[in-house]
Amino acid sequence: MEPNLIVITSLCLISGLAAGIAIGIFLKVKRPSIKRGAVVISASTVSGRGAFAAQNIKAEAIIERCPAIEVTDRDIGGELVNYVFYGNVETDRLVVMGYGMLFNHSSTPNVAYYREESSLGPEMILYALRNIRKGEELFYNYGDDWWKTRQ
């Protein structure tokens, strides 16, 4: 009796799949993180995605310079309203590029930001309020106005 090639092939594929799943569970394979400079984006300890220190960061060090686009509040809608900063005028909003949008809130932040005008337009400058250890999640305070509009 000759072995059936289809049966042998199917058994090999099923065995390989089962072994791959078992190895993945055993090694607890994590979702990949994204790294650039001093910041890595990964699963947050608070909610969804978060920004983490990819290296030790000294107090007052600039973590990231985020280019921003200034628009009016009429231009912002849906989920994007949760990811913009207030502009210089009450109806202006800043859409921040880079990782600046992915920093979560804390009432005891380790990061702060300020707006700076550059020759190419507004930028949000994110800097460390204190020494930050590698792997620590980076938080800034969203401010009272942000929370008042979401109660």
Protein backbone atom coordinates (compact mmCIF):
# COMPACT_ATOMS: atom_id res chain seq x y z
CA MET A 1 0.00 0.00 0.00
CA GLU A 2 1.54 3.33 -1.10
CA PRO A 3 1.17 6.44 1.08
CA ASN A 4 -1.32 8.95 -0.25
CA LEU A 5 0.58 12.16 -1.12
CA ILE A 6 -2.43 14.39 -0.36
CA VAL A 7 -2.86 12.90 3.13
CA ILE A 8 0.86 13.23 3.93
CA THR A 9 0.97 16.84 2.67
CA SER A 10 -2.15 17.75 4.67
CA LEU A 11 -0.71 16.18 7.84
CA CYS A 12 2.55 18.11 7.39
CA LEU A 13 0.70 21.41 6.93
CA ILE A 14 -1.55 20.83 9.94
CA SER A 15 1.43 19.79 12.08
CA GLY A 16 3.38 22.88 11.05
CA LEU A 17 0.44 25.17 11.78
CA ALA A 18 -0.12 23.60 15.20
CA ALA A 19 3.59 23.86 16.03
CA GLY A 20 3.64 27.54 14.96
CA ILE A 21 0.65 28.38 17.15
CA ALA A 22 2.14 26.54 20.12
CA ILE A 23 5.50 28.30 19.72
CA GLY A 24 3.75 31.69 19.41
CA ILE A 25 1.77 31.08 22.60
CA PHE A 26 4.84 29.77 24.43
CA LEU A 27 6.98 32.76 23.44
CA LYS A 28 4.10 35.21 23.99
CA VAL A 29 4.86 37.01 20.75
CA LYS A 30 3.95 40.68 21.11
CA ARG A 31 2.62 43.06 18.53
CA PRO A 32 5.47 44.99 16.96
CA SER A 33 6.29 48.46 18.23
CA ILE A 34 7.32 51.44 16.13
CA LYS A 35 10.47 53.37 17.07
CA ARG A 36 11.89 56.70 15.98
CA GLY A 37 14.44 58.67 17.96
CA ALA A 38 13.74 58.75 21.70
CA VAL A 39 10.16 57.52 21.31
CA VAL A 40 8.66 54.12 20.66
CA ILE A 41 4.92 53.57 20.06
CA SER A 42 3.40 50.45 21.57
CA ALA A 43 0.34 49.25 23.48
CA SER A 44 -0.44 51.76 26.23
CA THR A 45 -0.78 50.98 29.91
CA VAL A 46 -3.79 53.33 29.91
CA SER A 47 -5.64 53.05 26.60
CA GLY A 48 -4.93 51.97 23.03
CA ARG A 49 -1.54 53.11 21.78
CA GLY A 50 0.96 55.09 23.78
CA ALA A 51 4.36 56.70 23.51
CA PHE A 52 7.24 55.26 25.54
CA ALA A 53 10.82 56.34 26.15
CA ALA A 54 13.10 54.33 23.86
CA GLN A 55 16.07 55.48 25.96
CA ASN A 56 16.71 57.36 29.18
CA ILE A 57 15.69 61.01 28.77
CA LYS A 58 17.07 63.82 30.93
CA ALA A 59 14.85 66.50 32.46
CA GLU A 60 14.19 69.44 30.10
CA ALA A 61 15.46 67.52 27.05
CA ILE A 62 13.44 68.00 23.87
CA ILE A 63 11.84 64.67 23.06
CA GLU A 64 10.32 65.59 19.73
CA ARG A 65 9.63 68.58 17.49
CA CYS A 66 6.25 67.96 15.85
CA PRO A 67 5.29 69.96 12.76
CA ALA A 68 1.68 71.12 12.98
CA ILE A 69 -1.00 72.33 10.62
CA GLU A 70 -3.27 75.07 11.89
CA VAL A 71 -6.93 74.73 10.90
CA THR A 72 -10.25 75.98 12.26
CA ASP A 73 -12.46 73.95 14.57
CA ARG A 74 -14.94 73.61 11.65
CA ASP A 75 -12.31 71.54 9.79
CA ILE A 76 -12.10 68.96 12.59
CA GLY A 77 -14.69 66.27 13.15
CA GLY A 78 -15.25 62.71 14.24
CA GLU A 79 -12.49 60.94 16.16
CA LEU A 80 -9.89 63.50 15.01
CA VAL A 81 -11.32 66.01 17.53
CA ASN A 82 -9.62 63.91 20.26
CA TYR A 83 -6.19 64.33 18.68
CA VAL A 84 -5.83 68.07 18.06
CA PHE A 85 -4.42 70.89 20.17
CA TYR A 86 -5.91 74.32 20.73
CA GLY A 87 -4.41 77.07 18.59
CA ASN A 88 -3.65 80.71 19.35
CA VAL A 89 -7.28 81.70 18.75
CA GLU A 90 -10.26 79.97 20.42
CA THR A 91 -11.53 78.55 17.11
CA ASP A 92 -8.11 77.43 15.83
CA ARG A 93 -6.83 73.87 16.19
CA LEU A 94 -3.41 72.35 15.60
CA VAL A 95 -3.15 69.00 13.87
CA VAL A 96 0.17 67.72 15.19
CA MET A 97 2.29 65.37 13.10
CA GLY A 98 4.79 62.83 14.35
CA TYR A 99 4.28 60.96 17.60
CA GLY A 100 2.90 64.01 19.43
CA MET A 101 -0.67 62.88 18.82
CA LEU A 102 -0.12 59.55 20.58
CA PHE A 103 0.97 60.74 24.02
CA ASN A 104 -1.72 59.89 26.57
CA HIS A 105 -3.02 62.07 29.43
CA SER A 106 -1.93 62.06 33.05
CA SER A 107 -2.68 64.52 35.83
CA THR A 108 0.95 63.93 36.88
CA PRO A 109 2.69 64.22 33.50
CA ASN A 110 6.34 63.56 32.76
CA VAL A 111 6.22 65.55 29.50
CA ALA A 112 5.04 69.06 28.61
CA TYR A 113 4.82 70.97 25.37
CA TYR A 114 4.89 74.45 23.96
CA ARG A 115 4.11 75.92 20.58
CA GLU A 116 6.90 77.46 18.55
CA GLU A 117 6.70 79.25 15.21
CA SER A 118 9.24 78.10 12.65
CA SER A 119 9.90 79.32 9.13
CA LEU A 120 7.73 76.41 7.92
CA GLY A 121 4.84 77.03 10.32
CA PRO A 122 3.85 76.06 13.84
CA GLU A 123 5.56 73.24 15.75
CA MET A 124 4.72 71.56 19.04
CA ILE A 125 7.86 71.02 21.09
CA LEU A 126 7.60 68.08 23.51
CA TYR A 127 10.08 68.09 26.38
CA ALA A 128 10.75 66.12 29.56
CA LEU A 129 9.58 67.61 32.86
CA ARG A 130 11.86 65.27 34.80
CA ASN A 131 14.31 62.43 34.15
CA ILE A 132 12.45 59.63 32.34
CA ARG A 133 13.60 56.01 32.37
CA LYS A 134 13.77 53.86 29.24
CA GLY A 135 10.47 51.99 28.83
CA GLU A 136 8.42 54.52 30.83
CA GLU A 137 5.20 55.68 29.17
CA LEU A 138 5.23 59.36 28.20
CA PHE A 139 2.28 61.47 29.36
CA TYR A 140 1.30 65.11 29.19
CA ASN A 141 -1.68 66.84 30.73
CA TYR A 142 -4.47 67.50 28.21
CA GLY A 143 -5.70 70.47 30.28
CA ASP A 144 -9.01 71.39 31.84
CA ASP A 145 -10.51 72.76 28.60
CA TRP A 146 -10.04 69.42 26.86
CA TRP A 147 -11.86 67.52 29.62
CA LYS A 148 -14.69 70.11 29.94
CA THR A 149 -15.67 69.48 26.31
CA ARG A 150 -15.91 65.71 26.89
CA GLN A 151 -18.04 65.40 30.06
